[in-house]
């Protein structure tokens, strides 16, 4: 288990960043009605299923309308 303790300073900020991105993406999806591509249900599915970093980042790149 010493390897896990050594990795904690790296893992904790990444987990926090992941949840901040996920929360920001879901809040934005629920507050807005128009998207560049797709619809609300599609982006919620992509964001939640791709929860790691990919889902929210895909939404902010391809789905969020300016």
Protein backbone atom coordinates (compact mmCIF):
# COMPACT_ATOMS: atom_id res chain seq x y z
CA UNK A 1 0.00 0.00 0.00
CA UNK A 2 2.88 2.49 0.16
CA UNK A 3 2.46 3.11 -3.59
CA UNK A 4 -1.07 4.44 -3.09
CA UNK A 5 0.03 6.87 -0.38
CA UNK A 6 2.75 8.18 -2.67
CA UNK A 7 0.23 8.77 -5.47
CA UNK A 8 -2.35 10.60 -3.29
CA UNK A 9 -0.99 14.12 -3.96
CA UNK A 10 -1.60 13.48 -7.67
CA UNK A 11 -4.88 11.56 -7.42
CA UNK A 12 -6.80 13.92 -5.10
CA UNK A 13 -6.55 17.04 -7.33
CA UNK A 14 -7.50 14.99 -10.40
CA UNK A 15 -10.58 13.60 -8.66
CA UNK A 16 -11.60 17.10 -7.53
CA UNK A 17 -11.10 18.44 -11.07
CA UNK A 18 -13.16 15.58 -12.46
CA UNK A 19 -16.13 16.35 -10.21
CA UNK A 20 -15.89 20.10 -10.85
CA UNK A 21 -15.96 19.51 -14.63
CA UNK A 22 -18.83 17.05 -14.31
CA UNK A 23 -20.88 19.40 -12.12
CA UNK A 24 -20.22 22.40 -14.37
CA UNK A 25 -21.19 20.46 -17.48
CA UNK A 26 -24.41 19.08 -15.99
CA UNK A 27 -25.47 22.47 -14.62
CA UNK A 28 -24.81 24.11 -17.99
CA UNK A 29 -26.70 21.39 -19.87
CA UNK A 30 -29.73 21.70 -17.60
CA UNK A 31 -29.83 25.53 -17.78
CA UNK A 32 -29.56 25.91 -21.55
CA UNK A 33 -31.93 24.81 -24.30
CA UNK A 34 -29.80 25.06 -27.43
CA UNK A 35 -26.64 23.18 -28.33
CA UNK A 36 -24.30 23.16 -31.33
CA UNK A 37 -24.90 19.46 -31.93
CA UNK A 38 -27.37 17.06 -30.38
CA UNK A 39 -29.93 17.67 -27.67
CA UNK A 40 -30.12 17.78 -23.89
CA UNK A 41 -30.63 14.03 -23.39
CA UNK A 42 -27.72 13.13 -25.66
CA UNK A 43 -25.33 15.47 -23.85
CA UNK A 44 -26.46 14.30 -20.42
CA UNK A 45 -25.79 10.69 -21.43
CA UNK A 46 -22.39 11.53 -22.92
CA UNK A 47 -21.42 13.61 -19.90
CA UNK A 48 -22.52 11.09 -17.27
CA UNK A 49 -21.32 7.93 -19.03
CA UNK A 50 -18.02 9.55 -19.98
CA UNK A 51 -17.69 10.85 -16.45
CA UNK A 52 -13.93 10.64 -16.20
CA UNK A 53 -12.75 13.71 -18.09
CA UNK A 54 -13.85 12.89 -21.59
CA UNK A 55 -17.62 13.43 -21.24
CA UNK A 56 -17.55 16.95 -19.80
CA UNK A 57 -14.68 18.01 -22.05
CA UNK A 58 -16.52 16.74 -25.14
CA UNK A 59 -19.56 18.75 -24.11
CA UNK A 60 -17.62 21.97 -23.59
CA UNK A 61 -15.82 21.54 -26.95
CA UNK A 62 -18.61 20.25 -29.19
CA UNK A 63 -21.94 20.83 -27.47
CA UNK A 64 -21.83 24.16 -25.70
CA UNK A 65 -23.24 26.94 -27.79
CA UNK A 66 -21.39 30.26 -27.59
